[in-house]
Amino acid sequence: MRSGKKRKYNKIKRNERKLKEPKSKTIAQIRVTQNTPCCAAEYCLLQFDEKALQEEYLNFQALNQHSQRDFVLNYLWQHVDKENNKTTFYVFGKEVCRKSWLRVYGIGKDRFNDIRQKFMKGAKTLPHGNKEQEKEVNLSRRYN
C-alpha cells in the first residue's frame, strides 16, 4: 500500500516551460551541405548565402513536429502540378531539386514520403501520430 505521503514533483506552469532548443547547424555544416552534389544540376544550394540557409533551417526546426508536418503538407498542396503529379521545389524563390529542398529544412526522405503519401490520398491536415492508430479495447477484462 502507498503511504499517505504525496510525492513532490517539480511542476512548471505551461507558460513558463522552456521551448525545445532547435537543432543547430554550423556554417561549416552548411558549407558541406552546399558542396555535396545533389542532382543532375549538381550543386543547387551553392546559389544561396550560407547564413540564409542556416536561418531557414533553424526556423523550420524551431517548429514543433505537428507544425512541421503541416508546413510540408501545405507546401505540397501549393506546389504540385495536378496534371502530371510533379512537385516543384523552391527555396527563396529559386527552383531547386527535391534533395536540396529536403536538406535545407532537415527533413528525412522517409518522413517526406510518408507525408506525401497522405497528401496523395487527399489529406488536408494530419492528425497527431497517436490519433492515427486504432486502439484495441479488451472487453474480456472484468473490473470489481
Protein backbone atom coordinates (compact mmCIF):
# COMPACT_ATOMS: atom_id res chain seq x y z
CA MET A 1 0.00 0.00 0.00
CA ARG A 2 1.03 3.53 -0.64
CA SER A 3 1.69 5.76 2.23
CA GLY A 4 -0.43 8.85 2.62
CA LYS A 5 2.55 10.99 1.71
CA LYS A 6 2.26 12.79 -1.61
CA ARG A 7 5.25 12.98 -3.87
CA LYS A 8 6.52 16.40 -4.68
CA TYR A 9 7.13 16.97 -8.35
CA ASN A 10 8.95 19.84 -9.88
CA LYS A 11 5.91 21.33 -11.53
CA ILE A 12 6.38 24.06 -14.04
CA LYS A 13 3.46 26.07 -15.31
CA ARG A 14 2.81 25.59 -19.00
CA ASN A 15 3.56 29.19 -19.88
CA GLU A 16 6.88 29.00 -18.03
CA ARG A 17 8.20 25.90 -19.80
CA LYS A 18 11.22 26.34 -21.98
CA LEU A 19 10.74 25.77 -25.66
CA LYS A 20 12.70 22.97 -27.21
CA GLU A 21 16.01 24.25 -28.48
CA PRO A 22 16.15 23.71 -32.25
CA LYS A 23 18.89 21.57 -33.67
CA SER A 24 21.54 23.88 -35.00
CA LYS A 25 23.79 23.59 -37.96
CA THR A 26 27.07 25.41 -38.01
CA ILE A 27 28.21 27.37 -41.03
CA ALA A 28 30.76 24.61 -41.67
CA GLN A 29 27.99 22.01 -41.82
CA ILE A 30 26.02 24.25 -44.18
CA ARG A 31 29.10 24.53 -46.45
CA VAL A 32 29.41 20.74 -46.56
CA THR A 33 25.72 20.50 -47.48
CA GLN A 34 26.16 23.14 -50.18
CA ASN A 35 29.21 21.44 -51.66
CA THR A 36 27.63 17.98 -51.85
CA PRO A 37 26.25 17.10 -55.29
CA CYS A 38 22.50 16.60 -55.17
CA CYS A 39 21.09 16.11 -58.66
CA ALA A 40 21.80 16.43 -62.37
CA ALA A 41 22.35 20.17 -61.93
CA GLU A 42 24.75 19.05 -59.19
CA TYR A 43 25.03 21.96 -56.75
CA CYS A 44 21.61 23.58 -56.27
CA LEU A 45 22.45 25.12 -52.90
CA LEU A 46 25.60 26.99 -53.95
CA GLN A 47 23.44 29.83 -55.26
CA PHE A 48 22.36 30.74 -51.70
CA ASP A 49 24.07 32.51 -48.81
CA GLU A 50 25.17 30.16 -46.02
CA LYS A 51 23.66 32.30 -43.26
CA ALA A 52 20.30 32.49 -45.04
CA LEU A 53 20.24 28.69 -45.37
CA GLN A 54 21.14 28.31 -41.70
CA GLU A 55 18.37 30.71 -40.68
CA GLU A 56 15.80 28.89 -42.82
CA TYR A 57 16.87 25.56 -41.30
CA LEU A 58 16.69 26.89 -37.73
CA ASN A 59 13.26 28.49 -38.29
CA PHE A 60 11.87 25.18 -39.53
CA GLN A 61 13.49 23.14 -36.75
CA ALA A 62 12.07 25.53 -34.12
CA LEU A 63 8.55 24.44 -35.12
CA ASN A 64 7.00 21.52 -33.29
CA GLN A 65 6.56 18.25 -35.15
CA HIS A 66 2.90 18.87 -35.97
CA SER A 67 3.64 22.32 -37.41
CA GLN A 68 6.48 20.87 -39.49
CA ARG A 69 4.11 18.26 -40.96
CA ASP A 70 1.55 20.96 -41.72
CA PHE A 71 4.23 23.09 -43.41
CA VAL A 72 5.23 20.21 -45.72
CA LEU A 73 1.61 19.27 -46.44
CA ASN A 74 0.65 22.87 -47.27
CA TYR A 75 3.75 23.18 -49.44
CA LEU A 76 2.68 20.11 -51.41
CA TRP A 77 -0.84 21.48 -51.91
CA GLN A 78 0.60 24.71 -53.28
CA HIS A 79 3.39 23.33 -55.49
CA VAL A 80 2.18 20.07 -57.03
CA ASP A 81 1.18 20.17 -60.67
CA LYS A 82 -2.13 18.28 -60.67
CA GLU A 83 -1.88 17.15 -64.30
CA ASN A 84 1.45 15.29 -64.23
CA ASN A 85 1.68 14.93 -60.42
CA LYS A 86 5.08 16.62 -60.23
CA THR A 87 6.25 18.81 -57.37
CA THR A 88 8.37 21.90 -57.98
CA PHE A 89 10.59 22.82 -55.05
CA TYR A 90 11.61 26.41 -54.31
CA VAL A 91 13.97 27.94 -51.77
CA PHE A 92 13.98 31.75 -51.55
CA GLY A 93 12.03 31.88 -54.83
CA LYS A 94 14.57 29.85 -56.80
CA GLU A 95 13.91 26.35 -58.06
CA VAL A 96 15.97 23.53 -56.53
CA CYS A 97 15.85 19.75 -56.66
CA ARG A 98 13.91 17.70 -54.11
CA LYS A 99 17.06 16.51 -52.36
CA SER A 100 18.28 20.08 -51.81
CA TRP A 101 14.87 21.21 -50.56
CA LEU A 102 14.86 18.38 -48.01
CA ARG A 103 18.41 19.31 -46.94
CA VAL A 104 17.53 22.96 -46.40
CA TYR A 105 14.74 22.06 -43.98
CA GLY A 106 16.39 18.98 -42.46
CA ILE A 107 13.58 16.65 -43.49
CA GLY A 108 14.35 12.97 -43.98
CA LYS A 109 13.20 11.31 -47.20
CA ASP A 110 11.14 8.68 -45.34
CA ARG A 111 9.31 11.36 -43.38
CA PHE A 112 8.69 13.34 -46.55
CA ASN A 113 7.43 10.24 -48.37
CA ASP A 114 5.01 9.46 -45.51
CA ILE A 115 3.56 12.97 -45.70
CA ARG A 116 3.45 12.81 -49.50
CA GLN A 117 1.53 9.51 -49.41
CA LYS A 118 -1.06 11.07 -47.12
CA PHE A 119 -1.21 14.07 -49.44
CA MET A 120 -1.82 11.76 -52.41
CA LYS A 121 -4.77 10.26 -50.50
CA GLY A 122 -6.22 13.76 -50.19
CA ALA A 123 -5.24 14.72 -46.65
CA LYS A 124 -5.69 18.42 -45.92
CA THR A 125 -4.41 18.17 -42.35
CA LEU A 126 -2.57 15.46 -40.47
CA PRO A 127 -3.68 14.34 -37.01
CA HIS A 128 -1.25 13.74 -34.19
CA GLY A 129 0.61 10.44 -34.59
CA ASN A 130 -1.20 8.76 -31.68
CA LYS A 131 -4.62 9.56 -33.13
CA GLU A 132 -3.84 7.68 -36.35
CA GLN A 133 -3.62 4.37 -34.53
CA GLU A 134 -6.75 2.45 -33.69
CA LYS A 135 -6.90 1.37 -30.09
CA GLU A 136 -7.94 -2.15 -29.23
CA VAL A 137 -10.28 -2.46 -26.31
CA ASN A 138 -10.07 -5.64 -24.25
CA LEU A 139 -13.66 -6.35 -23.23
CA SER A 140 -12.87 -9.67 -21.62
CA ARG A 141 -11.42 -7.98 -18.55
CA ARG A 142 -13.64 -7.69 -15.51
CA TYR A 143 -13.31 -4.91 -13.01
CA ASN A 144 -14.53 -5.40 -9.44
